[in-house]
Amino acid sequence: MPKTSRYQFTDIKKNSKGKSVFKPTIYPKIPLKDDDIFVYPKAMERCEHIAYRVYNDPSLWWIIAQANNIHDGSIYLNSEKQVRIPSTPGEILIELKKLNDLF
């Protein structure tokens, strides 16, 4: 599996005024697959808790957030709403690298 840090693609660039700025990281779309896992989060559970439990790597929390369109800055997941856990984090990391190597 490739390096898991999503920050490896957050480079520092100079803008037109010479100021240092962060290059945005482009995240892949994560299509639904037949072998994805669906769970109801426990009370007070966060994406990184699930990532640790399923992938043994809490830094992959963003894969779960991206797959579930969680972009509102919520820390805790709604325990009454089912969450999709993509079954192929390695493929997603490869796609992340491909997308960000283009820029």
PDB file of N, CA and C in Angstrom:
ATOM      1  N   MET A   1       0.857  -1.176   0.000  1.00  0.00           N
ATOM      2  CA  MET A   1       0.000   0.000   0.000  1.00  0.00           C
ATOM      3  C   MET A   1       0.903   1.239   0.000  1.00  0.00           C
ATOM      4  N   PRO A   2       0.554   2.268  -0.764  1.00  0.00           N
ATOM      5  CA  PRO A   2       1.358   3.484  -0.797  1.00  0.00           C
ATOM      6  C   PRO A   2       1.328   4.223   0.535  1.00  0.00           C
ATOM      7  N   LYS A   3       2.190   5.230   0.657  1.00  0.00           N
ATOM      8  CA  LYS A   3       2.168   6.076   1.856  1.00  0.00           C
ATOM      9  C   LYS A   3       0.748   6.563   2.103  1.00  0.00           C
ATOM     10  N   THR A   4       0.351   6.616   3.367  1.00  0.00           N
ATOM     11  CA  THR A   4      -1.041   6.944   3.652  1.00  0.00           C
ATOM     12  C   THR A   4      -1.294   8.406   3.949  1.00  0.00           C
ATOM     13  N   SER A   5      -0.270   9.198   4.192  1.00  0.00           N
ATOM     14  CA  SER A   5      -0.515  10.588   4.555  1.00  0.00           C
ATOM     15  C   SER A   5      -1.071  11.381   3.383  1.00  0.00           C
ATOM     16  N   ARG A   6      -2.235  11.954   3.586  1.00  0.00           N
ATOM     17  CA  ARG A   6      -2.830  12.779   2.531  1.00  0.00           C
ATOM     18  C   ARG A   6      -2.077  14.094   2.408  1.00  0.00           C
ATOM     19  N   TYR A   7      -1.284  14.440   3.396  1.00  0.00           N
ATOM     20  CA  TYR A   7      -0.541  15.703   3.374  1.00  0.00           C
ATOM     21  C   TYR A   7       0.694  15.654   2.483  1.00  0.00           C
ATOM     22  N   GLN A   8       1.074  14.472   2.026  1.00  0.00           N
ATOM     23  CA  GLN A   8       2.241  14.385   1.153  1.00  0.00           C
ATOM     24  C   GLN A   8       2.011  15.130  -0.160  1.00  0.00           C
ATOM     25  N   PHE A   9       0.761  15.460  -0.478  1.00  0.00           N
ATOM     26  CA  PHE A   9       0.435  16.167  -1.717  1.00  0.00           C
ATOM     27  C   PHE A   9       0.177  17.651  -1.497  1.00  0.00           C
ATOM     28  N   THR A  10       0.306  18.103  -0.255  1.00  0.00           N
ATOM     29  CA  THR A  10       0.066  19.506   0.065  1.00  0.00           C
ATOM     30  C   THR A  10       1.399  20.250  -0.011  1.00  0.00           C
ATOM     31  N   ASP A  11       1.776  20.628  -1.216  1.00  0.00           N
ATOM     32  CA  ASP A  11       3.034  21.329  -1.443  1.00  0.00           C
ATOM     33  C   ASP A  11       2.875  22.822  -1.193  1.00  0.00           C
ATOM     34  N   ILE A  12       3.996  23.464  -0.955  1.00  0.00           N
ATOM     35  CA  ILE A  12       4.008  24.919  -0.820  1.00  0.00           C
ATOM     36  C   ILE A  12       4.507  25.493  -2.144  1.00  0.00           C
ATOM     37  N   LYS A  13       3.752  26.427  -2.667  1.00  0.00           N
ATOM     38  CA  LYS A  13       4.084  27.083  -3.935  1.00  0.00           C
ATOM     39  C   LYS A  13       4.163  28.589  -3.698  1.00  0.00           C
ATOM     40  N   LYS A  14       4.712  29.305  -4.652  1.00  0.00           N
ATOM     41  CA  LYS A  14       4.727  30.772  -4.616  1.00  0.00           C
ATOM     42  C   LYS A  14       3.623  31.266  -5.541  1.00  0.00           C
ATOM     43  N   ASN A  15       2.807  32.208  -5.055  1.00  0.00           N
ATOM     44  CA  ASN A  15       1.770  32.766  -5.913  1.00  0.00           C
ATOM     45  C   ASN A  15       2.366  33.883  -6.777  1.00  0.00           C
ATOM     46  N   SER A  16       1.531  34.549  -7.553  1.00  0.00           N
ATOM     47  CA  SER A  16       2.016  35.576  -8.481  1.00  0.00           C
ATOM     48  C   SER A  16       2.658  36.766  -7.768  1.00  0.00           C
ATOM     49  N   LYS A  17       2.366  36.932  -6.483  1.00  0.00           N
ATOM     50  CA  LYS A  17       2.959  38.026  -5.703  1.00  0.00           C
ATOM     51  C   LYS A  17       4.179  37.572  -4.906  1.00  0.00           C
ATOM     52  N   GLY A  18       4.586  36.308  -5.125  1.00  0.00           N
ATOM     53  CA  GLY A  18       5.753  35.784  -4.437  1.00  0.00           C
ATOM     54  C   GLY A  18       5.487  35.273  -3.031  1.00  0.00           C
ATOM     55  N   LYS A  19       4.213  35.251  -2.632  1.00  0.00           N
ATOM     56  CA  LYS A  19       3.851  34.786  -1.302  1.00  0.00           C
ATOM     57  C   LYS A  19       3.724  33.258  -1.307  1.00  0.00           C
ATOM     58  N   SER A  20       4.198  32.603  -0.244  1.00  0.00           N
ATOM     59  CA  SER A  20       4.076  31.152  -0.123  1.00  0.00           C
ATOM     60  C   SER A  20       2.634  30.773   0.195  1.00  0.00           C
ATOM     61  N   VAL A  21       2.106  29.844  -0.566  1.00  0.00           N
ATOM     62  CA  VAL A  21       0.743  29.350  -0.367  1.00  0.00           C
ATOM     63  C   VAL A  21       0.747  27.829  -0.508  1.00  0.00           C
ATOM     64  N   PHE A  22      -0.258  27.196   0.072  1.00  0.00           N
ATOM     65  CA  PHE A  22      -0.389  25.750  -0.061  1.00  0.00           C
ATOM     66  C   PHE A  22      -1.118  25.400  -1.351  1.00  0.00           C
ATOM     67  N   LYS A  23      -0.596  24.423  -2.062  1.00  0.00           N
ATOM     68  CA  LYS A  23      -1.269  23.890  -3.250  1.00  0.00           C
ATOM     69  C   LYS A  23      -2.410  23.001  -2.746  1.00  0.00           C
ATOM     70  N   PRO A  24      -3.606  23.147  -3.296  1.00  0.00           N
ATOM     71  CA  PRO A  24      -4.703  22.305  -2.817  1.00  0.00           C
ATOM     72  C   PRO A  24      -4.485  20.834  -3.175  1.00  0.00           C
ATOM     73  N   THR A  25      -4.955  19.973  -2.308  1.00  0.00           N
ATOM     74  CA  THR A  25      -4.913  18.539  -2.563  1.00  0.00           C
ATOM     75  C   THR A  25      -6.220  18.151  -3.243  1.00  0.00           C
ATOM     76  N   ILE A  26      -6.127  17.395  -4.318  1.00  0.00           N
ATOM     77  CA  ILE A  26      -7.313  16.948  -5.057  1.00  0.00           C
ATOM     78  C   ILE A  26      -7.634  15.532  -4.603  1.00  0.00           C
ATOM     79  N   TYR A  27      -8.850  15.342  -4.123  1.00  0.00           N
ATOM     80  CA  TYR A  27      -9.259  14.033  -3.617  1.00  0.00           C
ATOM     81  C   TYR A  27     -10.080  13.287  -4.663  1.00  0.00           C
ATOM     82  N   PRO A  28      -9.874  11.976  -4.753  1.00  0.00           N
ATOM     83  CA  PRO A  28     -10.622  11.202  -5.746  1.00  0.00           C
ATOM     84  C   PRO A  28     -12.069  10.988  -5.332  1.00  0.00           C
ATOM     85  N   LYS A  29     -12.904  10.776  -6.332  1.00  0.00           N
ATOM     86  CA  LYS A  29     -14.271  10.333  -6.061  1.00  0.00           C
ATOM     87  C   LYS A  29     -14.161   8.859  -5.680  1.00  0.00           C
ATOM     88  N   ILE A  30     -14.983   8.431  -4.760  1.00  0.00           N
ATOM     89  CA  ILE A  30     -14.912   7.052  -4.279  1.00  0.00           C
ATOM     90  C   ILE A  30     -16.208   6.347  -4.647  1.00  0.00           C
ATOM     91  N   PRO A  31     -16.173   5.560  -5.731  1.00  0.00           N
ATOM     92  CA  PRO A  31     -17.401   4.899  -6.172  1.00  0.00           C
ATOM     93  C   PRO A  31     -17.836   3.788  -5.211  1.00  0.00           C
ATOM     94  N   LEU A  32     -19.123   3.575  -5.165  1.00  0.00           N
ATOM     95  CA  LEU A  32     -19.696   2.500  -4.370  1.00  0.00           C
ATOM     96  C   LEU A  32     -19.269   1.161  -4.958  1.00  0.00           C
ATOM     97  N   LYS A  33     -18.870   0.223  -4.094  1.00  0.00           N
ATOM     98  CA  LYS A  33     -18.482  -1.123  -4.537  1.00  0.00           C
ATOM     99  C   LYS A  33     -19.298  -2.150  -3.765  1.00  0.00           C
ATOM    100  N   ASP A  34     -19.487  -3.301  -4.387  1.00  0.00           N
ATOM    101  CA  ASP A  34     -20.286  -4.356  -3.763  1.00  0.00           C
ATOM    102  C   ASP A  34     -19.735  -4.816  -2.420  1.00  0.00           C
ATOM    103  N   ASP A  35     -18.412  -4.753  -2.244  1.00  0.00           N
ATOM    104  CA  ASP A  35     -17.833  -5.249  -1.004  1.00  0.00           C
ATOM    105  C   ASP A  35     -17.528  -4.155   0.023  1.00  0.00           C
ATOM    106  N   ASP A  36     -18.075  -2.940  -0.177  1.00  0.00           N
ATOM    107  CA  ASP A  36     -17.959  -1.901   0.842  1.00  0.00           C
ATOM    108  C   ASP A  36     -18.698  -2.350   2.095  1.00  0.00           C
ATOM    109  N   ILE A  37     -18.278  -1.824   3.222  1.00  0.00           N
ATOM    110  CA  ILE A  37     -18.869  -2.178   4.509  1.00  0.00           C
ATOM    111  C   ILE A  37     -19.773  -1.031   4.957  1.00  0.00           C
ATOM    112  N   PHE A  38     -20.905  -1.357   5.530  1.00  0.00           N
ATOM    113  CA  PHE A  38     -21.817  -0.348   6.066  1.00  0.00           C
ATOM    114  C   PHE A  38     -22.000  -0.595   7.562  1.00  0.00           C
ATOM    115  N   VAL A  39     -21.839   0.466   8.340  1.00  0.00           N
ATOM    116  CA  VAL A  39     -21.971   0.349   9.794  1.00  0.00           C
ATOM    117  C   VAL A  39     -22.741   1.550  10.333  1.00  0.00           C
ATOM    118  N   TYR A  40     -23.292   1.376  11.517  1.00  0.00           N
ATOM    119  CA  TYR A  40     -23.828   2.498  12.277  1.00  0.00           C
ATOM    120  C   TYR A  40     -22.761   2.843  13.305  1.00  0.00           C
ATOM    121  N   PRO A  41     -22.293   4.088  13.302  1.00  0.00           N
ATOM    122  CA  PRO A  41     -21.260   4.463  14.272  1.00  0.00           C
ATOM    123  C   PRO A  41     -21.777   4.355  15.703  1.00  0.00           C
ATOM    124  N   LYS A  42     -20.840   4.117  16.608  1.00  0.00           N
ATOM    125  CA  LYS A  42     -21.169   4.128  18.031  1.00  0.00           C
ATOM    126  C   LYS A  42     -21.329   5.580  18.464  1.00  0.00           C
ATOM    127  N   ALA A  43     -21.956   5.791  19.590  1.00  0.00           N
ATOM    128  CA  ALA A  43     -22.107   7.150  20.126  1.00  0.00           C
ATOM    129  C   ALA A  43     -20.732   7.780  20.305  1.00  0.00           C
ATOM    130  N   MET A  44     -20.586   9.040  19.876  1.00  0.00           N
ATOM    131  CA  MET A  44     -19.343   9.810  20.004  1.00  0.00           C
ATOM    132  C   MET A  44     -18.192   9.246  19.154  1.00  0.00           C
ATOM    133  N   GLU A  45     -18.515   8.487  18.122  1.00  0.00           N
ATOM    134  CA  GLU A  45     -17.469   7.912  17.262  1.00  0.00           C
ATOM    135  C   GLU A  45     -17.151   8.880  16.127  1.00  0.00           C
ATOM    136  N   ARG A  46     -15.886   8.887  15.732  1.00  0.00           N
ATOM    137  CA  ARG A  46     -15.421   9.752  14.657  1.00  0.00           C
ATOM    138  C   ARG A  46     -14.851   8.895  13.532  1.00  0.00           C
ATOM    139  N   CYS A  47     -14.649   9.529  12.377  1.00  0.00           N
ATOM    140  CA  CYS A  47     -14.120   8.798  11.216  1.00  0.00           C
ATOM    141  C   CYS A  47     -12.786   8.140  11.519  1.00  0.00           C
ATOM    142  N   GLU A  48     -11.919   8.821  12.277  1.00  0.00           N
ATOM    143  CA  GLU A  48     -10.615   8.223  12.553  1.00  0.00           C
ATOM    144  C   GLU A  48     -10.709   6.995  13.441  1.00  0.00           C
ATOM    145  N   HIS A  49     -11.739   6.915  14.287  1.00  0.00           N
ATOM    146  CA  HIS A  49     -11.948   5.716  15.102  1.00  0.00           C
ATOM    147  C   HIS A  49     -12.288   4.523  14.206  1.00  0.00           C
ATOM    148  N   ILE A  50     -13.186   4.764  13.259  1.00  0.00           N
ATOM    149  CA  ILE A  50     -13.574   3.692  12.330  1.00  0.00           C
ATOM    150  C   ILE A  50     -12.392   3.307  11.450  1.00  0.00           C
ATOM    151  N   ALA A  51     -11.637   4.301  10.974  1.00  0.00           N
ATOM    152  CA  ALA A  51     -10.468   4.013  10.130  1.00  0.00           C
ATOM    153  C   ALA A  51      -9.458   3.153  10.887  1.00  0.00           C
ATOM    154  N   TYR A  52      -9.265   3.442  12.152  1.00  0.00           N
ATOM    155  CA  TYR A  52      -8.338   2.636  12.944  1.00  0.00           C
ATOM    156  C   TYR A  52      -8.869   1.212  13.107  1.00  0.00           C
ATOM    157  N   ARG A  53     -10.157   1.098  13.407  1.00  0.00           N
ATOM    158  CA  ARG A  53     -10.764  -0.218  13.632  1.00  0.00           C
ATOM    159  C   ARG A  53     -10.760  -1.075  12.358  1.00  0.00           C
ATOM    160  N   VAL A  54     -11.051  -0.462  11.211  1.00  0.00           N
ATOM    161  CA  VAL A  54     -11.188  -1.222   9.964  1.00  0.00           C
ATOM    162  C   VAL A  54      -9.870  -1.321   9.182  1.00  0.00           C
ATOM    163  N   TYR A  55      -9.161  -0.199   9.059  1.00  0.00           N
ATOM    164  CA  TYR A  55      -7.932  -0.151   8.260  1.00  0.00           C
ATOM    165  C   TYR A  55      -6.662  -0.258   9.101  1.00  0.00           C
ATOM    166  N   ASN A  56      -6.809  -0.207  10.425  1.00  0.00           N
ATOM    167  CA  ASN A  56      -5.672  -0.190  11.345  1.00  0.00           C
ATOM    168  C   ASN A  56      -4.784   1.041  11.121  1.00  0.00           C
ATOM    169  N   ASP A  57      -5.414   2.138  10.645  1.00  0.00           N
ATOM    170  CA  ASP A  57      -4.683   3.369  10.351  1.00  0.00           C
ATOM    171  C   ASP A  57      -5.639   4.565  10.475  1.00  0.00           C
ATOM    172  N   PRO A  58      -5.585   5.298  11.589  1.00  0.00           N
ATOM    173  CA  PRO A  58      -6.518   6.408  11.769  1.00  0.00           C
ATOM    174  C   PRO A  58      -6.312   7.548  10.776  1.00  0.00           C
ATOM    175  N   SER A  59      -5.135   7.625  10.148  1.00  0.00           N
ATOM    176  CA  SER A  59      -4.896   8.710   9.186  1.00  0.00           C
ATOM    177  C   SER A  59      -5.729   8.557   7.919  1.00  0.00           C
ATOM    178  N   LEU A  60      -6.355   7.408   7.743  1.00  0.00           N
ATOM    179  CA  LEU A  60      -7.219   7.179   6.564  1.00  0.00           C
ATOM    180  C   LEU A  60      -8.659   7.619   6.809  1.00  0.00           C
ATOM    181  N   TRP A  61      -8.877   8.403   7.858  1.00  0.00           N
ATOM    182  CA  TRP A  61     -10.219   8.903   8.180  1.00  0.00           C
ATOM    183  C   TRP A  61     -10.836   9.635   6.997  1.00  0.00           C
ATOM    184  N   TRP A  62     -10.023  10.332   6.227  1.00  0.00           N
ATOM    185  CA  TRP A  62     -10.533  11.145   5.124  1.00  0.00           C
ATOM    186  C   TRP A  62     -11.180  10.288   4.037  1.00  0.00           C
ATOM    187  N   ILE A  63     -10.773   9.024   3.911  1.00  0.00           N
ATOM    188  CA  ILE A  63     -11.402   8.129   2.929  1.00  0.00           C
ATOM    189  C   ILE A  63     -12.864   7.904   3.314  1.00  0.00           C
ATOM    190  N   ILE A  64     -13.106   7.666   4.584  1.00  0.00           N
ATOM    191  CA  ILE A  64     -14.480   7.458   5.066  1.00  0.00           C
ATOM    192  C   ILE A  64     -15.283   8.744   4.925  1.00  0.00           C
ATOM    193  N   ALA A  65     -14.680   9.873   5.272  1.00  0.00           N
ATOM    194  CA  ALA A  65     -15.367  11.161   5.141  1.00  0.00           C
ATOM    195  C   ALA A  65     -15.706  11.448   3.681  1.00  0.00           C
ATOM    196  N   GLN A  66     -14.755  11.233   2.787  1.00  0.00           N
ATOM    197  CA  GLN A  66     -14.978  11.489   1.352  1.00  0.00           C
ATOM    198  C   GLN A  66     -16.068  10.568   0.794  1.00  0.00           C
ATOM    199  N   ALA A  67     -16.041   9.300   1.181  1.00  0.00           N
ATOM    200  CA  ALA A  67     -17.027   8.331   0.674  1.00  0.00           C
ATOM    201  C   ALA A  67     -18.444   8.661   1.135  1.00  0.00           C
ATOM    202  N   ASN A  68     -18.547   9.367   2.257  1.00  0.00           N
ATOM    203  CA  ASN A  68     -19.862   9.685   2.823  1.00  0.00           C
ATOM    204  C   ASN A  68     -20.227  11.157   2.687  1.00  0.00           C
ATOM    205  N   ASN A  69     -19.468  11.888   1.867  1.00  0.00           N
ATOM    206  CA  ASN A  69     -19.718  13.318   1.652  1.00  0.00           C
ATOM    207  C   ASN A  69     -19.795  14.091   2.960  1.00  0.00           C
ATOM    208  N   ILE A  70     -18.886  13.790   3.868  1.00  0.00           N
ATOM    209  CA  ILE A  70     -18.819  14.505   5.140  1.00  0.00           C
ATOM    210  C   ILE A  70     -17.789  15.614   4.970  1.00  0.00           C
ATOM    211  N   HIS A  71     -18.284  16.818   4.749  1.00  0.00           N
ATOM    212  CA  HIS A  71     -17.408  17.965   4.497  1.00  0.00           C
ATOM    213  C   HIS A  71     -17.798  19.163   5.350  1.00  0.00           C
ATOM    214  N   ASP A  72     -18.634  18.934   6.348  1.00  0.00           N
ATOM    215  CA  ASP A  72     -19.160  20.058   7.129  1.00  0.00           C
ATOM    216  C   ASP A  72     -18.372  20.352   8.400  1.00  0.00           C
ATOM    217  N   GLY A  73     -17.271  19.650   8.596  1.00  0.00           N
ATOM    218  CA  GLY A  73     -16.452  19.897   9.776  1.00  0.00           C
ATOM    219  C   GLY A  73     -16.974  19.235  11.046  1.00  0.00           C
ATOM    220  N   SER A  74     -17.974  18.384  10.914  1.00  0.00           N
ATOM    221  CA  SER A  74     -18.487  17.677  12.089  1.00  0.00           C
ATOM    222  C   SER A  74     -17.398  16.759  12.639  1.00  0.00           C
ATOM    223  N   ILE A  75     -17.297  16.714  13.952  1.00  0.00           N
ATOM    224  CA  ILE A  75     -16.297  15.842  14.561  1.00  0.00           C
ATOM    225  C   ILE A  75     -16.876  14.455  14.790  1.00  0.00           C
ATOM    226  N   TYR A  76     -18.074  14.405  15.352  1.00  0.00           N
ATOM    227  CA  TYR A  76     -18.680  13.125  15.686  1.00  0.00           C
ATOM    228  C   TYR A  76     -19.709  12.728  14.641  1.00  0.00           C
ATOM    229  N   LEU A  77     -19.743  11.440  14.354  1.00  0.00           N
ATOM    230  CA  LEU A  77     -20.696  10.909  13.388  1.00  0.00           C
ATOM    231  C   LEU A  77     -22.055  10.711  14.057  1.00  0.00           C
ATOM    232  N   ASN A  78     -23.088  10.786  13.258  1.00  0.00           N
ATOM    233  CA  ASN A  78     -24.448  10.557  13.743  1.00  0.00           C
ATOM    234  C   ASN A  78     -24.648   9.052  13.896  1.00  0.00           C
ATOM    235  N   SER A  79     -24.891   8.602  15.117  1.00  0.00           N
ATOM    236  CA  SER A  79     -25.019   7.169  15.371  1.00  0.00           C
ATOM    237  C   SER A  79     -26.296   6.573  14.787  1.00  0.00           C
ATOM    238  N   GLU A  80     -27.185   7.420  14.268  1.00  0.00           N
ATOM    239  CA  GLU A  80     -28.415   6.919  13.656  1.00  0.00           C
ATOM    240  C   GLU A  80     -28.318   6.879  12.136  1.00  0.00           C
ATOM    241  N   LYS A  81     -27.179   7.294  11.606  1.00  0.00           N
ATOM    242  CA  LYS A  81     -26.999   7.326  10.156  1.00  0.00           C
ATOM    243  C   LYS A  81     -25.903   6.344   9.756  1.00  0.00           C
ATOM    244  N   GLN A  82     -26.236   5.458   8.828  1.00  0.00           N
ATOM    245  CA  GLN A  82     -25.296   4.446   8.368  1.00  0.00           C
ATOM    246  C   GLN A  82     -24.124   5.094   7.626  1.00  0.00           C
ATOM    247  N   VAL A  83     -22.933   4.552   7.831  1.00  0.00           N
ATOM    248  CA  VAL A  83     -21.716   5.062   7.219  1.00  0.00           C
ATOM    249  C   VAL A  83     -21.117   3.978   6.314  1.00  0.00           C
ATOM    250  N   ARG A  84     -20.697   4.404   5.132  1.00  0.00           N
ATOM    251  CA  ARG A  84     -20.056   3.474   4.190  1.00  0.00           C
ATOM    252  C   ARG A  84     -18.557   3.509   4.397  1.00  0.00           C
ATOM    253  N   ILE A  85     -17.966   2.331   4.495  1.00  0.00           N
ATOM    254  CA  ILE A  85     -16.519   2.204   4.632  1.00  0.00           C
ATOM    255  C   ILE A  85     -16.003   1.529   3.363  1.00  0.00           C
ATOM    256  N   PRO A  86     -15.288   2.266   2.519  1.00  0.00           N
ATOM    257  CA  PRO A  86     -14.765   1.676   1.283  1.00  0.00           C
ATOM    258  C   PRO A  86     -13.843   0.487   1.576  1.00  0.00           C
ATOM    259  N   SER A  87     -13.978  -0.538   0.775  1.00  0.00           N
ATOM    260  CA  SER A  87     -13.239  -1.777   0.996  1.00  0.00           C
ATOM    261  C   SER A  87     -11.844  -1.781   0.374  1.00  0.00           C
ATOM    262  N   THR A  88     -11.519  -0.762  -0.422  1.00  0.00           N
ATOM    263  CA  THR A  88     -10.245  -0.762  -1.144  1.00  0.00           C
ATOM    264  C   THR A  88      -9.439   0.507  -0.889  1.00  0.00           C
ATOM    265  N   PRO A  89      -8.973   0.727   0.344  1.00  0.00           N
ATOM    266  CA  PRO A  89      -8.217   1.953   0.613  1.00  0.00           C
ATOM    267  C   PRO A  89      -6.941   2.058  -0.215  1.00  0.00           C
ATOM    268  N   GLY A  90      -6.310   0.932  -0.511  1.00  0.00           N
ATOM    269  CA  GLY A  90      -5.091   0.962  -1.330  1.00  0.00           C
ATOM    270  C   GLY A  90      -5.340   1.534  -2.714  1.00  0.00           C
ATOM    271  N   GLU A  91      -6.424   1.137  -3.338  1.00  0.00           N
ATOM    272  CA  GLU A  91      -6.784   1.675  -4.662  1.00  0.00           C
ATOM    273  C   GLU A  91      -7.074   3.177  -4.573  1.00  0.00           C
ATOM    274  N   ILE A  92      -7.711   3.593  -3.504  1.00  0.00           N
ATOM    275  CA  ILE A  92      -8.051   5.005  -3.324  1.00  0.00           C
ATOM    276  C   ILE A  92      -6.776   5.834  -3.149  1.00  0.00           C
ATOM    277  N   LEU A  93      -5.818   5.305  -2.407  1.00  0.00           N
ATOM    278  CA  LEU A  93      -4.543   6.005  -2.217  1.00  0.00           C
ATOM    279  C   LEU A  93      -3.763   6.116  -3.525  1.00  0.00           C
ATOM    280  N   ILE A  94      -3.829   5.089  -4.340  1.00  0.00           N
ATOM    281  CA  ILE A  94      -3.167   5.136  -5.656  1.00  0.00           C
ATOM    282  C   ILE A  94      -3.819   6.210  -6.524  1.00  0.00           C
ATOM    283  N   GLU A  95      -5.146   6.277  -6.504  1.00  0.00           N
ATOM    284  CA  GLU A  95      -5.861   7.297  -7.278  1.00  0.00           C
ATOM    285  C   GLU A  95      -5.550   8.708  -6.760  1.00  0.00           C
ATOM    286  N   LEU A  96      -5.448   8.863  -5.440  1.00  0.00           N
ATOM    287  CA  LEU A  96      -5.071  10.146  -4.848  1.00  0.00           C
ATOM    288  C   LEU A  96      -3.708  10.585  -5.383  1.00  0.00           C
ATOM    289  N   LYS A  97      -2.763   9.661  -5.419  1.00  0.00           N
ATOM    290  CA  LYS A  97      -1.424   9.972  -5.928  1.00  0.00           C
ATOM    291  C   LYS A  97      -1.472  10.353  -7.405  1.00  0.00           C
ATOM    292  N   LYS A  98      -2.204   9.581  -8.196  1.00  0.00           N
ATOM    293  CA  LYS A  98      -2.305   9.875  -9.630  1.00  0.00           C
ATOM    294  C   LYS A  98      -2.872  11.276  -9.872  1.00  0.00           C
ATOM    295  N   LEU A  99      -3.945  11.604  -9.173  1.00  0.00           N
ATOM    296  CA  LEU A  99      -4.576  12.915  -9.349  1.00  0.00           C
ATOM    297  C   LEU A  99      -3.634  14.059  -8.992  1.00  0.00           C
ATOM    298  N   ASN A 100      -2.897  13.898  -7.930  1.00  0.00           N
ATOM    299  CA  ASN A 100      -2.061  14.992  -7.454  1.00  0.00           C
ATOM    300  C   ASN A 100      -0.695  15.046  -8.126  1.00  0.00           C
ATOM    301  N   ASP A 101      -0.285  13.962  -8.762  1.00  0.00           N
ATOM    302  CA  ASP A 101       0.953  13.984  -9.539  1.00  0.00           C
ATOM    303  C   ASP A 101       0.784  14.780 -10.829  1.00  0.00           C
ATOM    304  N   LEU A 102      -0.465  15.014 -11.231  1.00  0.00           N
ATOM    305  CA  LEU A 102      -0.739  15.759 -12.466  1.00  0.00           C
ATOM    306  C   LEU A 102      -0.419  17.245 -12.319  1.00  0.00           C
ATOM    307  N   PHE A 103      -0.412  17.745 -11.091  1.00  0.00           N
ATOM    308  CA  PHE A 103      -0.244  19.192 -10.875  1.00  0.00           C
ATOM    309  C   PHE A 103       1.051  19.523 -10.194  1.00  0.00           C
TER     310      PHE A 103
END
